[in-house]
PDB file of N, CA and C in Angstrom:
ATOM      1  N   MET A   1      27.529 -27.781  -9.133  1.00  0.00           N
ATOM      2  CA  MET A   1      26.562 -27.877  -9.451  1.00  0.00           C
ATOM      3  C   MET A   1      26.064 -29.061 -10.068  1.00  0.00           C
ATOM      4  N   LEU A   2      24.789 -28.964  -9.706  1.00  0.00           N
ATOM      5  CA  LEU A   2      23.758 -30.263  -9.543  1.00  0.00           C
ATOM      6  C   LEU A   2      23.598 -31.098 -10.723  1.00  0.00           C
ATOM      7  N   PRO A   3      23.150 -31.946 -10.513  1.00  0.00           N
ATOM      8  CA  PRO A   3      23.274 -33.021 -11.895  1.00  0.00           C
ATOM      9  C   PRO A   3      21.805 -33.213 -12.371  1.00  0.00           C
ATOM     10  N   MET A   4      21.102 -32.039 -12.792  1.00  0.00           N
ATOM     11  CA  MET A   4      19.715 -32.372 -12.465  1.00  0.00           C
ATOM     12  C   MET A   4      18.747 -32.298 -13.518  1.00  0.00           C
ATOM     13  N   ARG A   5      19.548 -32.537 -15.100  1.00  0.00           N
ATOM     14  CA  ARG A   5      19.449 -33.303 -16.081  1.00  0.00           C
ATOM     15  C   ARG A   5      18.665 -34.446 -16.010  1.00  0.00           C
ATOM     16  N   GLY A   6      17.521 -34.729 -16.774  1.00  0.00           N
ATOM     17  CA  GLY A   6      17.196 -36.321 -16.937  1.00  0.00           C
ATOM     18  C   GLY A   6      16.326 -36.646 -15.427  1.00  0.00           C
ATOM     19  N   MET A   7      16.707 -36.004 -14.077  1.00  0.00           N
ATOM     20  CA  MET A   7      16.076 -36.725 -13.172  1.00  0.00           C
ATOM     21  C   MET A   7      15.089 -36.085 -12.773  1.00  0.00           C
ATOM     22  N   SER A   8      14.158 -37.443 -12.140  1.00  0.00           N
ATOM     23  CA  SER A   8      13.051 -37.237 -11.716  1.00  0.00           C
ATOM     24  C   SER A   8      12.205 -36.002 -10.958  1.00  0.00           C
ATOM     25  N   PRO A   9      11.293 -35.728 -11.034  1.00  0.00           N
ATOM     26  CA  PRO A   9      11.013 -34.668 -10.009  1.00  0.00           C
ATOM     27  C   PRO A   9      10.993 -35.200  -8.294  1.00  0.00           C
ATOM     28  N   GLY A  10      10.633 -36.322  -8.209  1.00  0.00           N
ATOM     29  CA  GLY A  10      10.750 -37.132  -7.139  1.00  0.00           C
ATOM     30  C   GLY A  10      12.037 -37.418  -6.569  1.00  0.00           C
ATOM     31  N   LYS A  11      13.372 -37.383  -7.768  1.00  0.00           N
ATOM     32  CA  LYS A  11      14.336 -37.718  -7.139  1.00  0.00           C
ATOM     33  C   LYS A  11      15.267 -36.197  -6.513  1.00  0.00           C
ATOM     34  N   LEU A  12      14.727 -35.630  -7.424  1.00  0.00           N
ATOM     35  CA  LEU A  12      14.949 -33.953  -7.318  1.00  0.00           C
ATOM     36  C   LEU A  12      14.554 -33.610  -5.744  1.00  0.00           C
ATOM     37  N   LYS A  13      13.303 -33.837  -5.290  1.00  0.00           N
ATOM     38  CA  LYS A  13      12.789 -33.176  -4.712  1.00  0.00           C
ATOM     39  C   LYS A  13      13.779 -33.695  -2.773  1.00  0.00           C
ATOM     40  N   GLN A  14      13.666 -35.231  -2.958  1.00  0.00           N
ATOM     41  CA  GLN A  14      14.350 -36.002  -2.703  1.00  0.00           C
ATOM     42  C   GLN A  14      16.219 -35.370  -1.978  1.00  0.00           C
ATOM     43  N   MET A  15      16.616 -35.125  -3.154  1.00  0.00           N
ATOM     44  CA  MET A  15      18.047 -34.757  -2.748  1.00  0.00           C
ATOM     45  C   MET A  15      17.827 -32.898  -2.048  1.00  0.00           C
ATOM     46  N   MET A  16      17.020 -32.587  -2.729  1.00  0.00           N
ATOM     47  CA  MET A  16      16.494 -30.763  -2.219  1.00  0.00           C
ATOM     48  C   MET A  16      16.368 -31.231  -0.381  1.00  0.00           C
ATOM     49  N   LYS A  17      15.093 -31.948  -0.316  1.00  0.00           N
ATOM     50  CA  LYS A  17      14.868 -32.302   1.189  1.00  0.00           C
ATOM     51  C   LYS A  17      16.710 -32.870   1.952  1.00  0.00           C
ATOM     52  N   GLN A  18      17.222 -33.529   1.630  1.00  0.00           N
ATOM     53  CA  GLN A  18      18.402 -33.868   2.397  1.00  0.00           C
ATOM     54  C   GLN A  18      19.481 -32.964   2.420  1.00  0.00           C
ATOM     55  N   MET A  19      19.477 -31.465   1.361  1.00  0.00           N
ATOM     56  CA  MET A  19      20.493 -30.629   1.846  1.00  0.00           C
ATOM     57  C   MET A  19      19.451 -29.324   2.417  1.00  0.00           C
ATOM     58  N   GLY A  20      18.164 -29.612   3.401  1.00  0.00           N
ATOM     59  CA  GLY A  20      17.588 -28.794   4.438  1.00  0.00           C
ATOM     60  C   GLY A  20      17.005 -27.796   2.845  1.00  0.00           C
ATOM     61  N   ILE A  21      16.450 -28.100   2.332  1.00  0.00           N
ATOM     62  CA  ILE A  21      15.507 -27.514   1.042  1.00  0.00           C
ATOM     63  C   ILE A  21      14.320 -27.977   1.164  1.00  0.00           C
ATOM     64  N   ASP A  22      13.252 -27.098   1.287  1.00  0.00           N
ATOM     65  CA  ASP A  22      11.830 -27.863   1.489  1.00  0.00           C
ATOM     66  C   ASP A  22      11.097 -26.802   0.533  1.00  0.00           C
ATOM     67  N   ILE A  23       9.942 -27.357  -0.595  1.00  0.00           N
ATOM     68  CA  ILE A  23       9.517 -26.700  -1.569  1.00  0.00           C
ATOM     69  C   ILE A  23       8.008 -26.935  -1.607  1.00  0.00           C
ATOM     70  N   ALA A  24       7.106 -26.053  -1.414  1.00  0.00           N
ATOM     71  CA  ALA A  24       6.023 -26.220  -1.134  1.00  0.00           C
ATOM     72  C   ALA A  24       4.911 -25.212  -1.834  1.00  0.00           C
ATOM     73  N   GLU A  25       3.754 -25.849  -2.644  1.00  0.00           N
ATOM     74  CA  GLU A  25       3.226 -24.521  -3.323  1.00  0.00           C
ATOM     75  C   GLU A  25       1.854 -24.419  -2.232  1.00  0.00           C
ATOM     76  N   LEU A  26       1.535 -22.877  -2.275  1.00  0.00           N
ATOM     77  CA  LEU A  26       0.591 -22.192  -1.737  1.00  0.00           C
ATOM     78  C   LEU A  26      -0.623 -22.454  -2.249  1.00  0.00           C
ATOM     79  N   GLU A  27      -1.713 -23.188  -1.749  1.00  0.00           N
ATOM     80  CA  GLU A  27      -2.693 -23.254  -2.543  1.00  0.00           C
ATOM     81  C   GLU A  27      -3.445 -22.337  -2.480  1.00  0.00           C
ATOM     82  N   ASP A  28      -4.766 -22.414  -3.401  1.00  0.00           N
ATOM     83  CA  ASP A  28      -6.007 -21.267  -3.667  1.00  0.00           C
ATOM     84  C   ASP A  28      -5.036 -19.593  -3.350  1.00  0.00           C
ATOM     85  N   VAL A  29      -4.493 -19.336  -4.073  1.00  0.00           N
ATOM     86  CA  VAL A  29      -3.928 -18.187  -3.883  1.00  0.00           C
ATOM     87  C   VAL A  29      -5.053 -17.216  -5.113  1.00  0.00           C
ATOM     88  N   GLU A  30      -5.729 -16.207  -4.764  1.00  0.00           N
ATOM     89  CA  GLU A  30      -6.278 -15.227  -5.658  1.00  0.00           C
ATOM     90  C   GLU A  30      -5.654 -14.062  -6.053  1.00  0.00           C
ATOM     91  N   LYS A  31      -5.008 -13.524  -5.065  1.00  0.00           N
ATOM     92  CA  LYS A  31      -4.195 -11.987  -5.724  1.00  0.00           C
ATOM     93  C   LYS A  31      -3.532 -11.966  -4.565  1.00  0.00           C
ATOM     94  N   VAL A  32      -2.253 -11.462  -5.458  1.00  0.00           N
ATOM     95  CA  VAL A  32      -0.658 -11.076  -5.212  1.00  0.00           C
ATOM     96  C   VAL A  32      -0.647  -9.680  -5.368  1.00  0.00           C
ATOM     97  N   ILE A  33      -0.526  -8.729  -4.631  1.00  0.00           N
ATOM     98  CA  ILE A  33      -0.114  -7.051  -4.990  1.00  0.00           C
ATOM     99  C   ILE A  33       1.403  -6.616  -4.646  1.00  0.00           C
ATOM    100  N   ILE A  34       2.145  -6.451  -5.264  1.00  0.00           N
ATOM    101  CA  ILE A  34       3.637  -5.877  -4.668  1.00  0.00           C
ATOM    102  C   ILE A  34       3.205  -4.042  -5.158  1.00  0.00           C
ATOM    103  N   TYR A  35       3.124  -3.801  -3.929  1.00  0.00           N
ATOM    104  CA  TYR A  35       2.840  -2.191  -4.180  1.00  0.00           C
ATOM    105  C   TYR A  35       4.690  -1.668  -4.251  1.00  0.00           C
ATOM    106  N   THR A  36       5.344  -0.523  -5.118  1.00  0.00           N
ATOM    107  CA  THR A  36       6.087  -0.012  -5.209  1.00  0.00           C
ATOM    108  C   THR A  36       6.390   1.606  -5.397  1.00  0.00           C
ATOM    109  N   LYS A  37       6.525   2.401  -5.514  1.00  0.00           N
ATOM    110  CA  LYS A  37       6.408   3.523  -4.982  1.00  0.00           C
ATOM    111  C   LYS A  37       5.765   4.591  -6.177  1.00  0.00           C
ATOM    112  N   GLN A  38       6.754   3.727  -7.614  1.00  0.00           N
ATOM    113  CA  GLN A  38       5.879   4.096  -8.793  1.00  0.00           C
ATOM    114  C   GLN A  38       4.927   3.572  -9.402  1.00  0.00           C
ATOM    115  N   LYS A  39       4.544   2.168  -9.221  1.00  0.00           N
ATOM    116  CA  LYS A  39       3.534   1.205  -9.186  1.00  0.00           C
ATOM    117  C   LYS A  39       3.286   0.417  -8.488  1.00  0.00           C
ATOM    118  N   ASP A  40       2.273  -0.537  -8.997  1.00  0.00           N
ATOM    119  CA  ASP A  40       1.806  -1.663  -8.102  1.00  0.00           C
ATOM    120  C   ASP A  40       1.662  -2.953  -8.999  1.00  0.00           C
ATOM    121  N   LEU A  41       2.054  -4.007  -9.221  1.00  0.00           N
ATOM    122  CA  LEU A  41       2.148  -5.149  -9.867  1.00  0.00           C
ATOM    123  C   LEU A  41       1.053  -5.954  -9.101  1.00  0.00           C
ATOM    124  N   ILE A  42      -0.134  -6.378  -9.810  1.00  0.00           N
ATOM    125  CA  ILE A  42      -1.139  -6.958  -9.707  1.00  0.00           C
ATOM    126  C   ILE A  42      -1.271  -8.450  -9.965  1.00  0.00           C
ATOM    127  N   PHE A  43      -0.945  -9.657  -9.702  1.00  0.00           N
ATOM    128  CA  PHE A  43      -1.302 -11.000  -9.971  1.00  0.00           C
ATOM    129  C   PHE A  43      -2.587 -11.287  -9.741  1.00  0.00           C
ATOM    130  N   GLU A  44      -3.472 -12.084 -10.571  1.00  0.00           N
ATOM    131  CA  GLU A  44      -4.759 -12.382 -10.340  1.00  0.00           C
ATOM    132  C   GLU A  44      -4.119 -13.749 -10.789  1.00  0.00           C
ATOM    133  N   ASN A  45      -4.706 -14.901  -9.800  1.00  0.00           N
ATOM    134  CA  ASN A  45      -4.826 -16.168  -9.138  1.00  0.00           C
ATOM    135  C   ASN A  45      -3.343 -16.583 -10.019  1.00  0.00           C
ATOM    136  N   PRO A  46      -2.326 -16.273  -9.517  1.00  0.00           N
ATOM    137  CA  PRO A  46      -0.737 -16.525  -9.645  1.00  0.00           C
ATOM    138  C   PRO A  46      -0.672 -18.158  -8.802  1.00  0.00           C
ATOM    139  N   SER A  47       0.259 -18.416  -9.812  1.00  0.00           N
ATOM    140  CA  SER A  47       1.264 -19.877  -8.763  1.00  0.00           C
ATOM    141  C   SER A  47       2.011 -19.067  -7.752  1.00  0.00           C
ATOM    142  N   VAL A  48       1.689 -19.685  -6.431  1.00  0.00           N
ATOM    143  CA  VAL A  48       2.999 -19.147  -5.347  1.00  0.00           C
ATOM    144  C   VAL A  48       3.662 -20.335  -4.737  1.00  0.00           C
ATOM    145  N   THR A  49       5.097 -20.529  -5.049  1.00  0.00           N
ATOM    146  CA  THR A  49       6.031 -21.591  -4.559  1.00  0.00           C
ATOM    147  C   THR A  49       6.400 -20.960  -3.267  1.00  0.00           C
ATOM    148  N   ILE A  50       6.760 -21.523  -1.908  1.00  0.00           N
ATOM    149  CA  ILE A  50       7.231 -21.459  -1.034  1.00  0.00           C
ATOM    150  C   ILE A  50       8.395 -21.854  -1.132  1.00  0.00           C
ATOM    151  N   MET A  51       9.759 -21.758  -0.889  1.00  0.00           N
ATOM    152  CA  MET A  51      11.133 -22.609  -0.622  1.00  0.00           C
ATOM    153  C   MET A  51      11.980 -21.837   0.724  1.00  0.00           C
ATOM    154  N   LYS A  52      12.083 -23.144   1.728  1.00  0.00           N
ATOM    155  CA  LYS A  52      12.381 -22.772   2.950  1.00  0.00           C
ATOM    156  C   LYS A  52      13.841 -23.300   2.488  1.00  0.00           C
ATOM    157  N   ALA A  53      14.666 -22.512   3.262  1.00  0.00           N
ATOM    158  CA  ALA A  53      16.620 -23.041   3.206  1.00  0.00           C
ATOM    159  C   ALA A  53      16.895 -22.446   4.285  1.00  0.00           C
ATOM    160  N   LYS A  54      17.820 -23.112   5.281  1.00  0.00           N
ATOM    161  CA  LYS A  54      18.606 -22.548   6.206  1.00  0.00           C
ATOM    162  C   LYS A  54      17.456 -21.236   6.979  1.00  0.00           C
ATOM    163  N   GLY A  55      16.770 -21.062   7.692  1.00  0.00           N
ATOM    164  CA  GLY A  55      15.402 -20.266   8.287  1.00  0.00           C
ATOM    165  C   GLY A  55      15.162 -19.138   7.571  1.00  0.00           C
ATOM    166  N   VAL A  56      15.137 -19.664   5.922  1.00  0.00           N
ATOM    167  CA  VAL A  56      14.970 -18.054   5.262  1.00  0.00           C
ATOM    168  C   VAL A  56      13.945 -18.496   4.223  1.00  0.00           C
ATOM    169  N   GLU A  57      12.512 -18.518   4.358  1.00  0.00           N
ATOM    170  CA  GLU A  57      11.628 -18.508   3.613  1.00  0.00           C
ATOM    171  C   GLU A  57      11.691 -17.641   2.358  1.00  0.00           C
ATOM    172  N   THR A  58      11.720 -18.162   0.985  1.00  0.00           N
ATOM    173  CA  THR A  58      11.611 -17.332  -0.308  1.00  0.00           C
ATOM    174  C   THR A  58      10.298 -17.532  -1.023  1.00  0.00           C
ATOM    175  N   PHE A  59       9.485 -16.477  -1.676  1.00  0.00           N
ATOM    176  CA  PHE A  59       8.619 -16.781  -1.977  1.00  0.00           C
ATOM    177  C   PHE A  59       8.643 -16.516  -3.722  1.00  0.00           C
ATOM    178  N   GLN A  60       8.133 -17.618  -4.606  1.00  0.00           N
ATOM    179  CA  GLN A  60       8.289 -17.230  -5.640  1.00  0.00           C
ATOM    180  C   GLN A  60       6.792 -16.987  -6.538  1.00  0.00           C
ATOM    181  N   ILE A  61       6.854 -15.830  -7.024  1.00  0.00           N
ATOM    182  CA  ILE A  61       5.054 -15.528  -7.848  1.00  0.00           C
ATOM    183  C   ILE A  61       5.506 -15.889  -9.294  1.00  0.00           C
ATOM    184  N   SER A  62       4.053 -16.582 -10.019  1.00  0.00           N
ATOM    185  CA  SER A  62       4.612 -16.337 -11.378  1.00  0.00           C
ATOM    186  C   SER A  62       2.807 -16.586 -12.161  1.00  0.00           C
ATOM    187  N   GLY A  63       2.507 -15.968 -13.155  1.00  0.00           N
ATOM    188  CA  GLY A  63       1.450 -15.693 -13.886  1.00  0.00           C
ATOM    189  C   GLY A  63       1.853 -14.351 -14.210  1.00  0.00           C
ATOM    190  N   PRO A  64       0.404 -14.420 -15.008  1.00  0.00           N
ATOM    191  CA  PRO A  64      -0.050 -12.789 -15.513  1.00  0.00           C
ATOM    192  C   PRO A  64      -0.420 -11.894 -14.221  1.00  0.00           C
ATOM    193  N   TYR A  65       0.395 -10.738 -14.536  1.00  0.00           N
ATOM    194  CA  TYR A  65      -0.305  -9.585 -13.865  1.00  0.00           C
ATOM    195  C   TYR A  65      -0.290  -8.286 -14.997  1.00  0.00           C
ATOM    196  N   VAL A  66      -0.323  -7.520 -13.874  1.00  0.00           N
ATOM    197  CA  VAL A  66      -1.201  -5.874 -14.347  1.00  0.00           C
ATOM    198  C   VAL A  66      -0.393  -5.121 -13.720  1.00  0.00           C
ATOM    199  N   GLU A  67       0.265  -3.834 -14.626  1.00  0.00           N
ATOM    200  CA  GLU A  67       0.744  -2.969 -13.555  1.00  0.00           C
ATOM    201  C   GLU A  67      -0.192  -1.785 -13.464  1.00  0.00           C
ATOM    202  N   LYS A  68      -0.056  -1.214 -12.776  1.00  0.00           N
ATOM    203  CA  LYS A  68      -1.072   0.226 -12.230  1.00  0.00           C
ATOM    204  C   LYS A  68      -0.257   1.340 -11.861  1.00  0.00           C
ATOM    205  N   GLU A  69       0.075   2.470 -13.057  1.00  0.00           N
ATOM    206  CA  GLU A  69       0.829   3.439 -12.576  1.00  0.00           C
ATOM    207  C   GLU A  69      -0.309   4.223 -11.608  1.00  0.00           C
ATOM    208  N   LYS A  70       0.867   4.414 -10.229  1.00  0.00           N
ATOM    209  CA  LYS A  70       0.741   5.263  -9.278  1.00  0.00           C
ATOM    210  C   LYS A  70       0.499   7.074  -9.554  1.00  0.00           C
ATOM    211  N   LYS A  71      -0.517   7.645  -9.546  1.00  0.00           N
ATOM    212  CA  LYS A  71      -0.161   9.345  -9.762  1.00  0.00           C
ATOM    213  C   LYS A  71       0.210   9.845  -8.297  1.00  0.00           C
ATOM    214  N   PRO A  72       1.358  10.905  -8.884  1.00  0.00           N
ATOM    215  CA  PRO A  72       1.564  12.005  -7.839  1.00  0.00           C
ATOM    216  C   PRO A  72       0.627  12.384  -6.733  1.00  0.00           C
ATOM    217  N   PRO A  73       0.344  12.226  -5.273  1.00  0.00           N
ATOM    218  CA  PRO A  73      -0.200  12.838  -4.175  1.00  0.00           C
ATOM    219  C   PRO A  73      -0.292  14.438  -4.643  1.00  0.00           C
ATOM    220  N   VAL A  74      -1.706  15.234  -4.422  1.00  0.00           N
ATOM    221  CA  VAL A  74      -2.229  16.275  -4.711  1.00  0.00           C
ATOM    222  C   VAL A  74      -1.805  17.243  -3.157  1.00  0.00           C
ATOM    223  N   LYS A  75      -1.049  18.419  -3.272  1.00  0.00           N
ATOM    224  CA  LYS A  75      -0.715  19.166  -2.420  1.00  0.00           C
ATOM    225  C   LYS A  75      -1.526  20.037  -1.792  1.00  0.00           C
ATOM    226  N   GLU A  76      -1.939  19.787  -0.726  1.00  0.00           N
ATOM    227  CA  GLU A  76      -3.353  20.594  -0.021  1.00  0.00           C
ATOM    228  C   GLU A  76      -2.781  21.866  -0.314  1.00  0.00           C
ATOM    229  N   GLU A  77      -1.472  22.492  -0.222  1.00  0.00           N
ATOM    230  CA  GLU A  77      -1.501  24.125  -0.578  1.00  0.00           C
ATOM    231  C   GLU A  77      -1.699  24.106  -1.780  1.00  0.00           C
ATOM    232  N   ASP A  78      -1.423  23.149  -2.832  1.00  0.00           N
ATOM    233  CA  ASP A  78      -1.758  23.451  -4.639  1.00  0.00           C
ATOM    234  C   ASP A  78      -3.159  23.520  -4.495  1.00  0.00           C
ATOM    235  N   VAL A  79      -4.079  22.923  -3.847  1.00  0.00           N
ATOM    236  CA  VAL A  79      -5.265  22.853  -3.770  1.00  0.00           C
ATOM    237  C   VAL A  79      -6.117  24.098  -3.229  1.00  0.00           C
ATOM    238  N   GLN A  80      -5.507  24.952  -1.944  1.00  0.00           N
ATOM    239  CA  GLN A  80      -5.450  26.191  -1.965  1.00  0.00           C
ATOM    240  C   GLN A  80      -5.415  27.263  -2.924  1.00  0.00           C
ATOM    241  N   LEU A  81      -4.043  26.874  -3.418  1.00  0.00           N
ATOM    242  CA  LEU A  81      -3.879  27.864  -4.736  1.00  0.00           C
ATOM    243  C   LEU A  81      -4.728  27.755  -5.736  1.00  0.00           C
ATOM    244  N   VAL A  82      -5.438  26.622  -6.359  1.00  0.00           N
ATOM    245  CA  VAL A  82      -6.362  26.631  -7.477  1.00  0.00           C
ATOM    246  C   VAL A  82      -7.785  27.339  -7.095  1.00  0.00           C
ATOM    247  N   MET A  83      -7.850  27.145  -5.762  1.00  0.00           N
ATOM    248  CA  MET A  83      -9.202  27.083  -5.414  1.00  0.00           C
ATOM    249  C   MET A  83      -9.360  28.784  -5.066  1.00  0.00           C
ATOM    250  N   GLU A  84      -7.952  29.692  -4.604  1.00  0.00           N
ATOM    251  CA  GLU A  84      -7.753  31.103  -4.441  1.00  0.00           C
ATOM    252  C   GLU A  84      -8.052  32.150  -6.157  1.00  0.00           C
ATOM    253  N   GLN A  85      -7.177  31.011  -7.259  1.00  0.00           N
ATOM    254  CA  GLN A  85      -6.592  31.808  -8.093  1.00  0.00           C
ATOM    255  C   GLN A  85      -8.360  31.675  -8.924  1.00  0.00           C
ATOM    256  N   THR A  86      -9.481  30.172  -8.841  1.00  0.00           N
ATOM    257  CA  THR A  86     -10.241  30.360  -9.850  1.00  0.00           C
ATOM    258  C   THR A  86     -11.722  30.237  -9.577  1.00  0.00           C
ATOM    259  N   GLY A  87     -11.233  30.637  -7.517  1.00  0.00           N
ATOM    260  CA  GLY A  87     -13.052  30.399  -6.937  1.00  0.00           C
ATOM    261  C   GLY A  87     -14.223  28.973  -6.982  1.00  0.00           C
ATOM    262  N   VAL A  88     -13.212  27.782  -7.546  1.00  0.00           N
ATOM    263  CA  VAL A  88     -13.996  26.934  -7.474  1.00  0.00           C
ATOM    264  C   VAL A  88     -13.669  26.235  -5.735  1.00  0.00           C
ATOM    265  N   ASP A  89     -14.691  25.327  -5.439  1.00  0.00           N
ATOM    266  CA  ASP A  89     -14.565  24.627  -4.156  1.00  0.00           C
ATOM    267  C   ASP A  89     -12.969  23.446  -4.417  1.00  0.00           C
ATOM    268  N   GLU A  90     -12.940  23.150  -2.967  1.00  0.00           N
ATOM    269  CA  GLU A  90     -11.752  22.021  -2.986  1.00  0.00           C
ATOM    270  C   GLU A  90     -11.921  21.042  -3.406  1.00  0.00           C
ATOM    271  N   GLU A  91     -13.061  20.346  -3.736  1.00  0.00           N
ATOM    272  CA  GLU A  91     -13.624  19.083  -4.310  1.00  0.00           C
ATOM    273  C   GLU A  91     -13.261  19.200  -5.783  1.00  0.00           C
ATOM    274  N   GLU A  92     -13.559  20.180  -6.936  1.00  0.00           N
ATOM    275  CA  GLU A  92     -13.424  20.498  -8.140  1.00  0.00           C
ATOM    276  C   GLU A  92     -11.883  21.211  -8.369  1.00  0.00           C
ATOM    277  N   ALA A  93     -11.112  21.784  -7.607  1.00  0.00           N
ATOM    278  CA  ALA A  93      -9.854  22.080  -7.523  1.00  0.00           C
ATOM    279  C   ALA A  93      -9.196  20.655  -7.527  1.00  0.00           C
ATOM    280  N   ARG A  94      -9.136  19.745  -6.510  1.00  0.00           N
ATOM    281  CA  ARG A  94      -8.815  18.549  -6.116  1.00  0.00           C
ATOM    282  C   ARG A  94      -8.921  17.719  -7.554  1.00  0.00           C
ATOM    283  N   ARG A  95     -10.103  17.669  -8.345  1.00  0.00           N
ATOM    284  CA  ARG A  95     -10.362  16.711  -9.437  1.00  0.00           C
ATOM    285  C   ARG A  95      -9.365  17.098 -10.166  1.00  0.00           C
ATOM    286  N   VAL A  96      -9.572  18.561 -10.670  1.00  0.00           N
ATOM    287  CA  VAL A  96      -9.168  18.896 -11.852  1.00  0.00           C
ATOM    288  C   VAL A  96      -7.331  18.954 -11.709  1.00  0.00           C
ATOM    289  N   LEU A  97      -6.904  19.256 -10.648  1.00  0.00           N
ATOM    290  CA  LEU A  97      -5.466  18.768 -10.463  1.00  0.00           C
ATOM    291  C   LEU A  97      -4.954  17.539 -10.648  1.00  0.00           C
ATOM    292  N   GLU A  98      -5.733  16.460 -10.305  1.00  0.00           N
ATOM    293  CA  GLU A  98      -5.566  15.358 -10.501  1.00  0.00           C
ATOM    294  C   GLU A  98      -5.574  15.017 -11.892  1.00  0.00           C
ATOM    295  N   GLU A  99      -6.236  15.175 -12.612  1.00  0.00           N
ATOM    296  CA  GLU A  99      -6.540  15.205 -13.951  1.00  0.00           C
ATOM    297  C   GLU A  99      -5.186  15.878 -14.817  1.00  0.00           C
ATOM    298  N   SER A 100      -4.911  16.895 -14.476  1.00  0.00           N
ATOM    299  CA  SER A 100      -3.692  17.686 -14.682  1.00  0.00           C
ATOM    300  C   SER A 100      -2.494  16.958 -14.263  1.00  0.00           C
ATOM    301  N   GLU A 101      -2.268  16.149 -13.227  1.00  0.00           N
ATOM    302  CA  GLU A 101      -1.449  15.377 -12.686  1.00  0.00           C
ATOM    303  C   GLU A 101      -0.373  16.400 -11.740  1.00  0.00           C
ATOM    304  N   GLY A 102      -1.333  17.023 -11.643  1.00  0.00           N
ATOM    305  CA  GLY A 102      -0.613  18.356 -10.530  1.00  0.00           C
ATOM    306  C   GLY A 102       0.165  19.487 -11.157  1.00  0.00           C
ATOM    307  N   ASP A 103      -0.079  19.886 -12.208  1.00  0.00           N
ATOM    308  CA  ASP A 103       0.179  20.748 -12.849  1.00  0.00           C
ATOM    309  C   ASP A 103      -0.432  21.455 -12.669  1.00  0.00           C
ATOM    310  N   LEU A 104       0.013  22.926 -11.851  1.00  0.00           N
ATOM    311  CA  LEU A 104      -0.523  24.189 -11.510  1.00  0.00           C
ATOM    312  C   LEU A 104      -1.503  24.576 -12.276  1.00  0.00           C
ATOM    313  N   ALA A 105      -0.284  25.353 -13.428  1.00  0.00           N
ATOM    314  CA  ALA A 105      -0.901  25.800 -14.104  1.00  0.00           C
ATOM    315  C   ALA A 105      -2.015  25.428 -15.215  1.00  0.00           C
ATOM    316  N   GLU A 106      -1.922  24.240 -15.774  1.00  0.00           N
ATOM    317  CA  GLU A 106      -2.721  23.661 -16.516  1.00  0.00           C
ATOM    318  C   GLU A 106      -3.983  23.537 -15.900  1.00  0.00           C
ATOM    319  N   ALA A 107      -3.753  23.194 -14.334  1.00  0.00           N
ATOM    320  CA  ALA A 107      -5.578  23.301 -13.504  1.00  0.00           C
ATOM    321  C   ALA A 107      -6.144  24.851 -14.056  1.00  0.00           C
ATOM    322  N   ILE A 108      -5.632  25.542 -12.995  1.00  0.00           N
ATOM    323  CA  ILE A 108      -6.234  26.738 -13.331  1.00  0.00           C
ATOM    324  C   ILE A 108      -6.397  27.278 -14.698  1.00  0.00           C
ATOM    325  N   LEU A 109      -5.860  27.118 -16.218  1.00  0.00           N
ATOM    326  CA  LEU A 109      -6.297  27.909 -17.073  1.00  0.00           C
ATOM    327  C   LEU A 109      -7.320  26.607 -17.358  1.00  0.00           C
ATOM    328  N   LYS A 110      -7.461  25.152 -17.498  1.00  0.00           N
ATOM    329  CA  LYS A 110      -8.511  24.544 -17.446  1.00  0.00           C
ATOM    330  C   LYS A 110      -9.631  25.195 -17.097  1.00  0.00           C
ATOM    331  N   LEU A 111      -9.810  25.695 -15.517  1.00  0.00           N
ATOM    332  CA  LEU A 111     -10.808  25.843 -14.680  1.00  0.00           C
ATOM    333  C   LEU A 111     -11.507  27.168 -15.159  1.00  0.00           C
ATOM    334  N   SER A 112     -10.250  28.177 -15.390  1.00  0.00           N
ATOM    335  CA  SER A 112     -10.798  29.483 -15.882  1.00  0.00           C
ATOM    336  C   SER A 112     -11.247  29.472 -17.332  1.00  0.00           C
ATOM    337  N   GLN A 113     -11.149  28.650 -18.287  1.00  0.00           N
ATOM    338  CA  GLN A 113     -11.329  28.351 -19.574  1.00  0.00           C
ATOM    339  C   GLN A 113     -13.387  28.046 -19.282  1.00  0.00           C
ATOM    340  N   GLU A 114     -13.281  27.173 -18.368  1.00  0.00           N
ATOM    341  CA  GLU A 114     -15.158  27.162 -18.167  1.00  0.00           C
ATOM    342  C   GLU A 114     -15.817  28.131 -17.704  1.00  0.00           C
TER     343      GLU A 114
END
């Protein structure tokens, strides 16, 4: 374990350089987006640090972020079925399916009641 308590930032940086570790701040970062299957994490004006050690670059992102949930994609066969059952056009069928999060029965009921 490294004795870091009470060590000046300059001394710490020098020690890390001797160990082959280089740390740099990435300047003027406006946005970082991390995409996952269920949601996206969106960082606005984050602090990004790059650490290089033994040929590997590691990025550290810090700052406030928002989570944006992803909606499941609407299947084409579902759109066709809703169109056939309700007589609406493709655009309307797709819109109502997206609103009902892909629930066929709910979409057909909504359109039938209009």
